[in-house]
Amino acid sequence: MFRNLRLVYVTTSNRDEARKIGTEMVEQKLAACANIIDGMESIYRWQDDIQTDKECILILKTTYSNVAKCTKKIKEMHSYDVPCIISINLAEQEGNAGYLDWIMQSVRKPISAADYETDD
């Protein structure tokens, strides 16, 4: 069975922001599940300066057809000017098939080609 599943990796400023975004994604059926990992340290260059910050990881389990809608909603809700939102393709034949089927059953299904379009 072809599922076309994705993990959407997002970094947030704190646990509350991750929880707010994750809850919205699950409530809107844009993601089947949201995992929050607190206490990450990020080192990055921003506006030509090296920055070090504590951040929180949000991992969303969804389908390809929901990634554009997830990205749009996350950008609306996120406190960062340029939030990290990365879609990672999942191997179709690897993992617990029952769990992968549950993801498919828990998210909204695409209605038209517009569900795959991005605003960028």
N, C-alpha and C. Protein backbone atom coordinates (compact mmCIF):
# COMPACT_ATOMS: atom_id res chain seq x y z
N MET A 1 0.84 -1.18 0.00
CA MET A 1 0.00 0.00 0.00
C MET A 1 0.88 1.25 0.00
N PHE A 2 0.60 2.17 -0.89
CA PHE A 2 1.34 3.43 -0.98
C PHE A 2 0.70 4.45 -0.06
N ARG A 3 1.45 4.92 0.93
CA ARG A 3 0.89 5.84 1.93
C ARG A 3 1.39 7.27 1.77
N ASN A 4 2.63 7.44 1.29
CA ASN A 4 3.22 8.77 1.11
C ASN A 4 3.24 9.57 2.42
N LEU A 5 3.78 8.96 3.46
CA LEU A 5 3.81 9.57 4.80
C LEU A 5 5.01 10.47 4.98
N ARG A 6 4.86 11.42 5.90
CA ARG A 6 5.91 12.39 6.20
C ARG A 6 6.03 12.62 7.70
N LEU A 7 7.25 12.92 8.12
CA LEU A 7 7.49 13.54 9.42
C LEU A 7 7.77 15.00 9.13
N VAL A 8 7.13 15.89 9.85
CA VAL A 8 7.42 17.32 9.71
C VAL A 8 8.16 17.73 10.98
N TYR A 9 9.41 18.14 10.79
CA TYR A 9 10.31 18.53 11.87
C TYR A 9 10.25 20.04 12.01
N VAL A 10 9.94 20.50 13.22
CA VAL A 10 9.79 21.93 13.50
C VAL A 10 10.56 22.26 14.77
N THR A 11 11.28 23.37 14.78
CA THR A 11 11.86 23.84 16.04
C THR A 11 11.05 25.04 16.52
N THR A 12 10.86 25.11 17.83
CA THR A 12 10.09 26.19 18.44
C THR A 12 10.89 26.82 19.57
N SER A 13 10.44 27.97 20.01
CA SER A 13 11.16 28.70 21.06
C SER A 13 11.01 28.05 22.44
N ASN A 14 9.90 27.31 22.65
CA ASN A 14 9.68 26.69 23.95
C ASN A 14 8.58 25.63 23.87
N ARG A 15 8.39 24.93 24.97
CA ARG A 15 7.41 23.84 25.04
C ARG A 15 5.98 24.34 24.80
N ASP A 16 5.64 25.49 25.36
CA ASP A 16 4.28 26.02 25.19
C ASP A 16 3.96 26.27 23.72
N GLU A 17 4.91 26.85 23.00
CA GLU A 17 4.68 27.10 21.57
C GLU A 17 4.54 25.79 20.81
N ALA A 18 5.39 24.81 21.12
CA ALA A 18 5.30 23.50 20.46
C ALA A 18 3.96 22.84 20.76
N ARG A 19 3.51 22.91 22.00
CA ARG A 19 2.23 22.31 22.39
C ARG A 19 1.07 22.99 21.67
N LYS A 20 1.11 24.31 21.60
CA LYS A 20 0.04 25.06 20.93
C LYS A 20 -0.05 24.68 19.44
N ILE A 21 1.09 24.66 18.77
CA ILE A 21 1.11 24.30 17.35
C ILE A 21 0.73 22.83 17.16
N GLY A 22 1.31 21.94 17.96
CA GLY A 22 1.00 20.52 17.84
C GLY A 22 -0.46 20.21 18.07
N THR A 23 -1.05 20.84 19.07
CA THR A 23 -2.48 20.63 19.36
C THR A 23 -3.33 21.08 18.18
N GLU A 24 -3.02 22.24 17.62
CA GLU A 24 -3.77 22.75 16.46
C GLU A 24 -3.66 21.80 15.27
N MET A 25 -2.47 21.27 15.02
CA MET A 25 -2.28 20.36 13.89
C MET A 25 -3.13 19.09 14.05
N VAL A 26 -3.17 18.54 15.26
CA VAL A 26 -3.95 17.32 15.51
C VAL A 26 -5.45 17.64 15.48
N GLU A 27 -5.86 18.75 16.10
CA GLU A 27 -7.28 19.12 16.09
C GLU A 27 -7.81 19.32 14.68
N GLN A 28 -6.99 19.91 13.80
CA GLN A 28 -7.40 20.17 12.42
C GLN A 28 -7.20 18.96 11.50
N LYS A 29 -6.74 17.85 12.08
CA LYS A 29 -6.44 16.62 11.33
C LYS A 29 -5.38 16.84 10.25
N LEU A 30 -4.49 17.79 10.50
CA LEU A 30 -3.35 17.99 9.62
C LEU A 30 -2.21 17.06 10.01
N ALA A 31 -2.24 16.54 11.23
CA ALA A 31 -1.27 15.57 11.71
C ALA A 31 -1.99 14.54 12.57
N ALA A 32 -1.52 13.31 12.52
CA ALA A 32 -2.09 12.25 13.35
C ALA A 32 -1.57 12.36 14.78
N CYS A 33 -0.34 12.85 14.91
CA CYS A 33 0.33 12.86 16.21
C CYS A 33 1.37 13.97 16.21
N ALA A 34 1.60 14.54 17.38
CA ALA A 34 2.64 15.54 17.56
C ALA A 34 3.51 15.11 18.74
N ASN A 35 4.81 14.99 18.51
CA ASN A 35 5.77 14.67 19.56
C ASN A 35 6.55 15.92 19.91
N ILE A 36 6.74 16.16 21.20
CA ILE A 36 7.47 17.34 21.68
C ILE A 36 8.69 16.87 22.45
N ILE A 37 9.84 17.38 22.05
CA ILE A 37 11.11 17.06 22.71
C ILE A 37 11.70 18.38 23.19
N ASP A 38 11.76 18.55 24.49
CA ASP A 38 12.22 19.81 25.08
C ASP A 38 13.71 19.72 25.40
N GLY A 39 14.34 20.88 25.56
CA GLY A 39 15.71 20.94 26.05
C GLY A 39 16.79 20.83 24.99
N MET A 40 16.45 21.06 23.73
CA MET A 40 17.44 21.01 22.67
C MET A 40 18.25 22.31 22.68
N GLU A 41 19.53 22.20 22.38
CA GLU A 41 20.36 23.38 22.21
C GLU A 41 20.69 23.53 20.74
N SER A 42 20.47 24.71 20.19
CA SER A 42 20.75 24.98 18.78
C SER A 42 21.87 26.00 18.66
N ILE A 43 22.76 25.74 17.72
CA ILE A 43 23.84 26.66 17.38
C ILE A 43 23.68 26.97 15.90
N TYR A 44 23.56 28.25 15.57
CA TYR A 44 23.27 28.62 14.19
C TYR A 44 23.74 30.04 13.91
N ARG A 45 23.82 30.36 12.63
CA ARG A 45 24.18 31.72 12.23
C ARG A 45 22.89 32.45 11.86
N TRP A 46 22.68 33.63 12.45
CA TRP A 46 21.52 34.46 12.13
C TRP A 46 21.98 35.90 11.98
N GLN A 47 21.74 36.48 10.83
CA GLN A 47 22.15 37.85 10.51
C GLN A 47 23.64 38.06 10.80
N ASP A 48 24.41 37.09 10.34
CA ASP A 48 25.88 37.08 10.38
C ASP A 48 26.49 36.95 11.78
N ASP A 49 25.70 36.58 12.77
CA ASP A 49 26.21 36.32 14.12
C ASP A 49 25.92 34.88 14.50
N ILE A 50 26.84 34.26 15.24
CA ILE A 50 26.62 32.91 15.75
C ILE A 50 25.73 33.02 16.99
N GLN A 51 24.64 32.27 16.99
CA GLN A 51 23.67 32.27 18.09
C GLN A 51 23.64 30.89 18.74
N THR A 52 23.36 30.87 20.03
CA THR A 52 23.12 29.63 20.77
C THR A 52 21.85 29.83 21.58
N ASP A 53 20.88 28.94 21.37
CA ASP A 53 19.60 29.06 22.06
C ASP A 53 19.08 27.70 22.49
N LYS A 54 18.28 27.71 23.54
CA LYS A 54 17.50 26.53 23.92
C LYS A 54 16.24 26.54 23.07
N GLU A 55 15.91 25.40 22.52
CA GLU A 55 14.71 25.28 21.70
C GLU A 55 13.99 23.99 22.03
N CYS A 56 12.86 23.82 21.40
CA CYS A 56 12.04 22.63 21.57
C CYS A 56 11.77 22.06 20.18
N ILE A 57 11.82 20.74 20.05
CA ILE A 57 11.54 20.07 18.78
C ILE A 57 10.08 19.62 18.77
N LEU A 58 9.41 19.86 17.66
CA LEU A 58 8.06 19.37 17.43
C LEU A 58 8.13 18.48 16.19
N ILE A 59 7.70 17.23 16.32
CA ILE A 59 7.66 16.30 15.20
C ILE A 59 6.21 15.94 14.94
N LEU A 60 5.75 16.21 13.72
CA LEU A 60 4.38 15.90 13.32
C LEU A 60 4.39 14.71 12.38
N LYS A 61 3.45 13.79 12.57
CA LYS A 61 3.31 12.63 11.69
C LYS A 61 2.09 12.88 10.81
N THR A 62 2.32 12.91 9.49
CA THR A 62 1.26 13.29 8.57
C THR A 62 1.47 12.65 7.20
N THR A 63 0.73 13.14 6.23
CA THR A 63 0.84 12.68 4.85
C THR A 63 1.36 13.82 3.97
N TYR A 64 1.86 13.45 2.82
CA TYR A 64 2.36 14.44 1.87
C TYR A 64 1.30 15.50 1.56
N SER A 65 0.07 15.07 1.38
CA SER A 65 -0.99 16.00 0.99
C SER A 65 -1.30 17.04 2.06
N ASN A 66 -0.86 16.81 3.30
CA ASN A 66 -1.11 17.77 4.38
C ASN A 66 0.09 18.67 4.68
N VAL A 67 1.24 18.40 4.08
CA VAL A 67 2.45 19.16 4.41
C VAL A 67 2.29 20.65 4.10
N ALA A 68 1.75 21.00 2.94
CA ALA A 68 1.61 22.43 2.59
C ALA A 68 0.70 23.15 3.57
N LYS A 69 -0.41 22.52 3.95
CA LYS A 69 -1.33 23.14 4.91
C LYS A 69 -0.68 23.25 6.29
N CYS A 70 0.06 22.22 6.70
CA CYS A 70 0.80 22.28 7.97
C CYS A 70 1.78 23.45 7.95
N THR A 71 2.55 23.54 6.88
CA THR A 71 3.56 24.59 6.78
C THR A 71 2.92 25.97 6.87
N LYS A 72 1.85 26.17 6.14
CA LYS A 72 1.16 27.47 6.16
C LYS A 72 0.66 27.81 7.56
N LYS A 73 0.01 26.86 8.22
CA LYS A 73 -0.54 27.10 9.56
C LYS A 73 0.57 27.33 10.58
N ILE A 74 1.64 26.55 10.50
CA ILE A 74 2.76 26.71 11.43
C ILE A 74 3.36 28.11 11.28
N LYS A 75 3.57 28.56 10.04
CA LYS A 75 4.13 29.90 9.81
C LYS A 75 3.23 30.98 10.39
N GLU A 76 1.91 30.79 10.34
CA GLU A 76 0.97 31.75 10.92
C GLU A 76 1.08 31.80 12.44
N MET A 77 1.32 30.65 13.07
CA MET A 77 1.30 30.54 14.53
C MET A 77 2.67 30.77 15.17
N HIS A 78 3.75 30.61 14.42
CA HIS A 78 5.10 30.55 14.96
C HIS A 78 5.64 31.93 15.33
N SER A 79 6.46 31.97 16.37
CA SER A 79 7.05 33.23 16.84
C SER A 79 8.29 33.64 16.04
N TYR A 80 8.90 32.72 15.30
CA TYR A 80 10.12 33.04 14.55
C TYR A 80 9.78 33.69 13.21
N ASP A 81 10.67 34.56 12.74
CA ASP A 81 10.53 35.16 11.41
C ASP A 81 10.66 34.09 10.32
N VAL A 82 11.62 33.18 10.51
CA VAL A 82 11.89 32.12 9.53
C VAL A 82 11.95 30.79 10.29
N PRO A 83 10.80 30.19 10.61
CA PRO A 83 10.82 28.95 11.39
C PRO A 83 11.36 27.77 10.59
N CYS A 84 12.02 26.87 11.30
CA CYS A 84 12.47 25.61 10.71
C CYS A 84 11.26 24.70 10.56
N ILE A 85 10.88 24.40 9.33
CA ILE A 85 9.79 23.47 9.02
C ILE A 85 10.32 22.59 7.89
N ILE A 86 10.61 21.33 8.19
CA ILE A 86 11.21 20.43 7.21
C ILE A 86 10.38 19.16 7.13
N SER A 87 10.01 18.78 5.91
CA SER A 87 9.27 17.55 5.68
C SER A 87 10.26 16.43 5.33
N ILE A 88 10.13 15.30 6.04
CA ILE A 88 11.01 14.16 5.84
C ILE A 88 10.16 12.98 5.35
N ASN A 89 10.53 12.43 4.21
CA ASN A 89 9.81 11.30 3.62
C ASN A 89 10.06 10.03 4.44
N LEU A 90 9.01 9.26 4.70
CA LEU A 90 9.15 7.99 5.40
C LEU A 90 9.19 6.84 4.39
N ALA A 91 10.06 5.88 4.61
CA ALA A 91 10.14 4.70 3.75
C ALA A 91 8.83 3.92 3.86
N GLU A 92 8.25 3.59 2.73
CA GLU A 92 6.92 2.98 2.70
C GLU A 92 6.86 1.57 3.30
N GLN A 93 7.90 0.80 3.13
CA GLN A 93 7.84 -0.60 3.55
C GLN A 93 8.53 -0.85 4.89
N GLU A 94 8.86 0.20 5.61
CA GLU A 94 9.59 0.05 6.86
C GLU A 94 8.75 0.54 8.03
N GLY A 95 8.80 -0.17 9.13
CA GLY A 95 8.09 0.24 10.33
C GLY A 95 6.87 -0.64 10.58
N ASN A 96 6.13 -0.29 11.60
CA ASN A 96 4.93 -1.01 12.02
C ASN A 96 3.78 -0.65 11.08
N ALA A 97 3.37 -1.58 10.23
CA ALA A 97 2.32 -1.32 9.24
C ALA A 97 1.03 -0.85 9.90
N GLY A 98 0.68 -1.41 11.04
CA GLY A 98 -0.53 -1.00 11.75
C GLY A 98 -0.47 0.46 12.17
N TYR A 99 0.70 0.88 12.64
CA TYR A 99 0.86 2.28 13.05
C TYR A 99 0.81 3.21 11.83
N LEU A 100 1.46 2.81 10.76
CA LEU A 100 1.44 3.62 9.55
C LEU A 100 0.02 3.75 9.01
N ASP A 101 -0.76 2.68 9.08
CA ASP A 101 -2.17 2.74 8.67
C ASP A 101 -2.95 3.69 9.58
N TRP A 102 -2.65 3.66 10.89
CA TRP A 102 -3.33 4.56 11.84
C TRP A 102 -3.09 6.02 11.47
N ILE A 103 -1.85 6.36 11.08
CA ILE A 103 -1.57 7.73 10.65
C ILE A 103 -2.50 8.10 9.49
N MET A 104 -2.60 7.22 8.51
CA MET A 104 -3.46 7.48 7.34
C MET A 104 -4.91 7.71 7.75
N GLN A 105 -5.38 6.94 8.70
CA GLN A 105 -6.78 7.03 9.13
C GLN A 105 -7.04 8.26 9.99
N SER A 106 -6.00 8.84 10.56
CA SER A 106 -6.15 9.93 11.53
C SER A 106 -6.04 11.33 10.94
N VAL A 107 -5.64 11.44 9.69
CA VAL A 107 -5.47 12.76 9.07
C VAL A 107 -6.48 12.97 7.96
N ARG A 108 -6.68 14.24 7.61
CA ARG A 108 -7.64 14.56 6.54
C ARG A 108 -7.11 14.06 5.20
N LYS A 109 -8.02 13.67 4.38
CA LYS A 109 -7.68 13.17 3.05
C LYS A 109 -7.71 14.33 2.06
N PRO A 110 -6.88 14.29 1.02
CA PRO A 110 -6.92 15.35 0.02
C PRO A 110 -8.24 15.32 -0.74
N ILE A 111 -8.75 16.51 -1.04
CA ILE A 111 -10.00 16.63 -1.76
C ILE A 111 -9.75 16.99 -3.22
N SER A 112 -8.73 17.82 -3.46
CA SER A 112 -8.44 18.25 -4.83
C SER A 112 -6.94 18.51 -4.97
N ALA A 113 -6.52 18.82 -6.19
CA ALA A 113 -5.12 19.14 -6.44
C ALA A 113 -4.66 20.34 -5.62
N ALA A 114 -5.57 21.24 -5.29
CA ALA A 114 -5.23 22.43 -4.50
C ALA A 114 -4.70 22.07 -3.12
N ASP A 115 -5.04 20.88 -2.62
CA ASP A 115 -4.54 20.45 -1.32
C ASP A 115 -3.03 20.25 -1.32
N TYR A 116 -2.44 20.10 -2.50
CA TYR A 116 -1.00 19.87 -2.61
C TYR A 116 -0.22 21.15 -2.89
N GLU A 117 -0.91 22.25 -3.14
CA GLU A 117 -0.25 23.49 -3.53
C GLU A 117 0.28 24.25 -2.32
N THR A 118 1.38 24.97 -2.56
CA THR A 118 1.94 25.83 -1.52
C THR A 118 1.80 27.28 -1.96
N ASP A 119 1.89 28.18 -1.01
CA ASP A 119 1.80 29.60 -1.30
C ASP A 119 3.16 30.19 -1.66
N ASP A 120 4.23 29.42 -1.46
CA ASP A 120 5.58 29.94 -1.70
C ASP A 120 5.97 29.87 -3.15
